[in-house]
């Protein structure tokens, strides 16, 4: 949560701020786990409301030790 607060503060000072999520598992969407960490989930959405951007990607770790981008992740929307 500390990092999310710092991103909010950076955005409020006029900097660009981005939450970057990289997933190793097969998925198309990212959604914070409210049941596991409600405080993080609330802070995550607060950061988005304050203008912090979200970028998410599925990745693959290559045998060569490199990280390969597979596909973008969409942000799941709660309704």
N, C-alpha and C. Protein backbone atom coordinates (compact mmCIF):
# COMPACT_ATOMS: atom_id res chain seq x y z
N UNK A 1 0.81 -1.19 0.00
CA UNK A 1 0.00 0.00 0.00
C UNK A 1 0.86 1.26 0.00
N UNK A 2 2.02 1.17 0.61
CA UNK A 2 2.90 2.33 0.65
C UNK A 2 3.19 2.84 -0.76
N UNK A 3 3.43 1.91 -1.69
CA UNK A 3 3.76 2.31 -3.05
C UNK A 3 2.57 2.98 -3.74
N UNK A 4 1.37 2.50 -3.47
CA UNK A 4 0.19 3.13 -4.06
C UNK A 4 0.02 4.55 -3.54
N UNK A 5 0.26 4.74 -2.24
CA UNK A 5 0.18 6.09 -1.67
C UNK A 5 1.22 7.01 -2.32
N UNK A 6 2.41 6.47 -2.54
CA UNK A 6 3.46 7.28 -3.17
C UNK A 6 3.10 7.64 -4.61
N UNK A 7 2.45 6.72 -5.32
CA UNK A 7 2.00 7.02 -6.69
C UNK A 7 0.94 8.12 -6.68
N UNK A 8 0.02 8.07 -5.72
CA UNK A 8 -1.00 9.12 -5.60
C UNK A 8 -0.33 10.46 -5.34
N UNK A 9 0.62 10.48 -4.41
CA UNK A 9 1.32 11.73 -4.09
C UNK A 9 2.08 12.26 -5.30
N UNK A 10 2.71 11.37 -6.05
CA UNK A 10 3.44 11.80 -7.25
C UNK A 10 2.48 12.41 -8.27
N UNK A 11 1.33 11.79 -8.45
CA UNK A 11 0.33 12.31 -9.39
C UNK A 11 -0.15 13.68 -8.95
N UNK A 12 -0.38 13.84 -7.65
CA UNK A 12 -0.84 15.13 -7.12
C UNK A 12 0.21 16.22 -7.29
N UNK A 13 1.49 15.85 -7.37
CA UNK A 13 2.57 16.82 -7.59
C UNK A 13 2.81 17.07 -9.07
N UNK A 14 2.00 16.44 -9.93
CA UNK A 14 2.10 16.72 -11.36
C UNK A 14 2.89 15.71 -12.17
N UNK A 15 3.35 14.64 -11.54
CA UNK A 15 4.09 13.61 -12.27
C UNK A 15 3.13 12.61 -12.89
N UNK A 16 3.59 11.93 -13.93
CA UNK A 16 2.85 10.77 -14.44
C UNK A 16 3.09 9.62 -13.48
N UNK A 17 2.06 8.84 -13.22
CA UNK A 17 2.18 7.71 -12.30
C UNK A 17 1.42 6.52 -12.88
N UNK A 18 2.03 5.34 -12.80
CA UNK A 18 1.44 4.15 -13.40
C UNK A 18 1.58 2.97 -12.45
N UNK A 19 0.50 2.23 -12.29
CA UNK A 19 0.53 0.94 -11.61
C UNK A 19 0.78 -0.10 -12.69
N UNK A 20 1.86 -0.86 -12.56
CA UNK A 20 2.21 -1.89 -13.54
C UNK A 20 2.01 -3.26 -12.91
N UNK A 21 1.15 -4.06 -13.53
CA UNK A 21 0.89 -5.43 -13.07
C UNK A 21 1.36 -6.38 -14.16
N UNK A 22 2.19 -7.36 -13.77
CA UNK A 22 2.65 -8.38 -14.71
C UNK A 22 2.20 -9.74 -14.17
N UNK A 23 1.49 -10.48 -15.00
CA UNK A 23 0.93 -11.76 -14.58
C UNK A 23 1.59 -12.91 -15.34
N UNK A 24 1.99 -13.93 -14.60
CA UNK A 24 2.56 -15.13 -15.21
C UNK A 24 1.48 -16.13 -15.61
N UNK A 25 0.34 -16.05 -14.96
CA UNK A 25 -0.73 -17.01 -15.22
C UNK A 25 -1.54 -16.60 -16.44
N UNK A 26 -2.27 -17.54 -16.96
CA UNK A 26 -3.12 -17.27 -18.12
C UNK A 26 -4.36 -16.51 -17.65
N UNK A 27 -4.46 -15.26 -18.04
CA UNK A 27 -5.60 -14.43 -17.67
C UNK A 27 -5.71 -13.28 -18.66
N UNK A 28 -6.87 -12.66 -18.68
CA UNK A 28 -7.10 -11.53 -19.56
C UNK A 28 -7.40 -10.25 -18.80
N UNK A 29 -7.71 -10.39 -17.50
CA UNK A 29 -8.13 -9.26 -16.68
C UNK A 29 -7.38 -9.25 -15.36
N UNK A 30 -7.27 -8.06 -14.76
CA UNK A 30 -6.75 -7.93 -13.41
C UNK A 30 -7.84 -7.37 -12.52
N UNK A 31 -7.98 -7.95 -11.36
CA UNK A 31 -8.91 -7.48 -10.35
C UNK A 31 -8.27 -7.70 -8.99
N UNK A 32 -8.13 -6.66 -8.16
CA UNK A 32 -7.57 -6.87 -6.82
C UNK A 32 -8.44 -7.85 -6.03
N UNK A 33 -7.83 -8.61 -5.17
CA UNK A 33 -8.55 -9.61 -4.38
C UNK A 33 -9.06 -8.99 -3.09
N UNK A 34 -10.33 -8.61 -3.09
CA UNK A 34 -10.94 -7.95 -1.94
C UNK A 34 -10.94 -8.84 -0.71
N UNK A 35 -11.12 -10.13 -0.89
CA UNK A 35 -11.18 -11.05 0.25
C UNK A 35 -9.83 -11.20 0.93
N UNK A 36 -8.77 -11.20 0.15
CA UNK A 36 -7.43 -11.39 0.70
C UNK A 36 -6.87 -10.11 1.30
N UNK A 37 -7.06 -8.97 0.61
CA UNK A 37 -6.47 -7.72 1.08
C UNK A 37 -7.38 -6.55 0.71
N UNK A 38 -8.36 -6.32 1.55
CA UNK A 38 -9.34 -5.26 1.30
C UNK A 38 -8.68 -3.88 1.29
N UNK A 39 -7.71 -3.66 2.19
CA UNK A 39 -7.05 -2.35 2.27
C UNK A 39 -6.31 -2.04 0.96
N UNK A 40 -5.60 -3.03 0.42
CA UNK A 40 -4.91 -2.82 -0.86
C UNK A 40 -5.91 -2.52 -1.96
N UNK A 41 -6.99 -3.30 -2.00
CA UNK A 41 -8.00 -3.12 -3.04
C UNK A 41 -8.59 -1.71 -3.00
N UNK A 42 -8.91 -1.23 -1.81
CA UNK A 42 -9.45 0.12 -1.67
C UNK A 42 -8.44 1.17 -2.11
N UNK A 43 -7.17 0.99 -1.73
CA UNK A 43 -6.14 1.94 -2.10
C UNK A 43 -5.88 1.89 -3.61
N UNK A 44 -5.95 0.71 -4.20
CA UNK A 44 -5.78 0.55 -5.65
C UNK A 44 -6.81 1.39 -6.39
N UNK A 45 -8.07 1.26 -6.02
CA UNK A 45 -9.13 2.02 -6.71
C UNK A 45 -9.06 3.51 -6.38
N UNK A 46 -8.61 3.85 -5.19
CA UNK A 46 -8.41 5.27 -4.86
C UNK A 46 -7.34 5.87 -5.78
N UNK A 47 -6.27 5.12 -6.01
CA UNK A 47 -5.20 5.60 -6.89
C UNK A 47 -5.75 5.84 -8.30
N UNK A 48 -6.57 4.92 -8.79
CA UNK A 48 -7.15 5.11 -10.12
C UNK A 48 -8.04 6.35 -10.16
N UNK A 49 -8.82 6.55 -9.10
CA UNK A 49 -9.70 7.72 -9.03
C UNK A 49 -8.89 9.02 -9.02
N UNK A 50 -7.69 8.97 -8.45
CA UNK A 50 -6.83 10.16 -8.37
C UNK A 50 -6.04 10.38 -9.66
N UNK A 51 -6.23 9.50 -10.65
CA UNK A 51 -5.59 9.70 -11.94
C UNK A 51 -4.36 8.86 -12.21
N UNK A 52 -4.01 7.96 -11.29
CA UNK A 52 -2.89 7.06 -11.54
C UNK A 52 -3.32 6.08 -12.63
N UNK A 53 -2.48 5.88 -13.63
CA UNK A 53 -2.81 5.00 -14.75
C UNK A 53 -2.56 3.54 -14.38
N UNK A 54 -3.20 2.64 -15.12
CA UNK A 54 -3.02 1.20 -14.96
C UNK A 54 -2.50 0.61 -16.26
N UNK A 55 -1.47 -0.19 -16.16
CA UNK A 55 -0.95 -0.98 -17.28
C UNK A 55 -0.75 -2.40 -16.77
N UNK A 56 -1.28 -3.35 -17.50
CA UNK A 56 -1.13 -4.74 -17.12
C UNK A 56 -0.75 -5.59 -18.31
N UNK A 57 0.07 -6.60 -18.08
CA UNK A 57 0.53 -7.47 -19.15
C UNK A 57 0.66 -8.90 -18.66
N UNK A 58 0.30 -9.83 -19.52
CA UNK A 58 0.69 -11.23 -19.31
C UNK A 58 2.12 -11.33 -19.78
N UNK A 59 2.92 -12.04 -19.02
CA UNK A 59 4.32 -12.18 -19.39
C UNK A 59 4.72 -13.65 -19.40
N UNK A 60 5.84 -13.90 -20.02
CA UNK A 60 6.45 -15.23 -20.01
C UNK A 60 7.92 -15.04 -19.65
N UNK A 61 8.40 -15.89 -18.76
CA UNK A 61 9.82 -15.88 -18.43
C UNK A 61 10.51 -16.88 -19.34
N UNK A 62 11.43 -16.38 -20.14
CA UNK A 62 12.13 -17.24 -21.07
C UNK A 62 13.25 -18.02 -20.40
N UNK A 63 13.63 -19.10 -21.03
CA UNK A 63 14.75 -19.90 -20.52
C UNK A 63 16.05 -19.10 -20.53
N UNK A 64 16.07 -18.04 -21.34
CA UNK A 64 17.24 -17.17 -21.41
C UNK A 64 17.26 -16.13 -20.29
N UNK A 65 16.24 -16.19 -19.39
CA UNK A 65 16.18 -15.26 -18.27
C UNK A 65 15.49 -13.95 -18.60
N UNK A 66 15.05 -13.78 -19.82
CA UNK A 66 14.38 -12.55 -20.23
C UNK A 66 12.88 -12.63 -19.96
N UNK A 67 12.27 -11.46 -19.82
CA UNK A 67 10.82 -11.36 -19.65
C UNK A 67 10.22 -10.97 -20.99
N UNK A 68 9.23 -11.74 -21.43
CA UNK A 68 8.57 -11.49 -22.71
C UNK A 68 7.12 -11.09 -22.46
N UNK A 69 6.70 -9.99 -23.10
CA UNK A 69 5.30 -9.57 -23.00
C UNK A 69 4.46 -10.44 -23.91
N UNK A 70 3.38 -10.99 -23.36
CA UNK A 70 2.50 -11.86 -24.15
C UNK A 70 1.29 -11.08 -24.66
N UNK A 71 0.55 -10.45 -23.76
CA UNK A 71 -0.64 -9.71 -24.16
C UNK A 71 -1.02 -8.73 -23.05
N UNK A 72 -1.73 -7.67 -23.40
CA UNK A 72 -2.16 -6.72 -22.37
C UNK A 72 -3.26 -7.30 -21.49
N UNK A 73 -3.31 -6.86 -20.24
CA UNK A 73 -4.39 -7.21 -19.33
C UNK A 73 -5.36 -6.04 -19.26
N UNK A 74 -6.62 -6.35 -19.25
CA UNK A 74 -7.64 -5.33 -19.04
C UNK A 74 -7.93 -5.25 -17.55
N UNK A 75 -8.38 -4.11 -17.12
CA UNK A 75 -8.77 -3.92 -15.73
C UNK A 75 -10.23 -4.31 -15.59
N UNK A 76 -10.51 -5.28 -14.74
CA UNK A 76 -11.89 -5.69 -14.51
C UNK A 76 -12.62 -4.58 -13.78
N UNK A 77 -13.86 -4.36 -14.14
CA UNK A 77 -14.66 -3.29 -13.55
C UNK A 77 -15.70 -3.90 -12.63
N UNK A 78 -15.74 -3.41 -11.39
CA UNK A 78 -16.76 -3.86 -10.44
C UNK A 78 -18.01 -3.04 -10.64
N UNK A 79 -19.14 -3.68 -10.61
CA UNK A 79 -20.42 -2.96 -10.73
C UNK A 79 -21.33 -3.35 -9.61
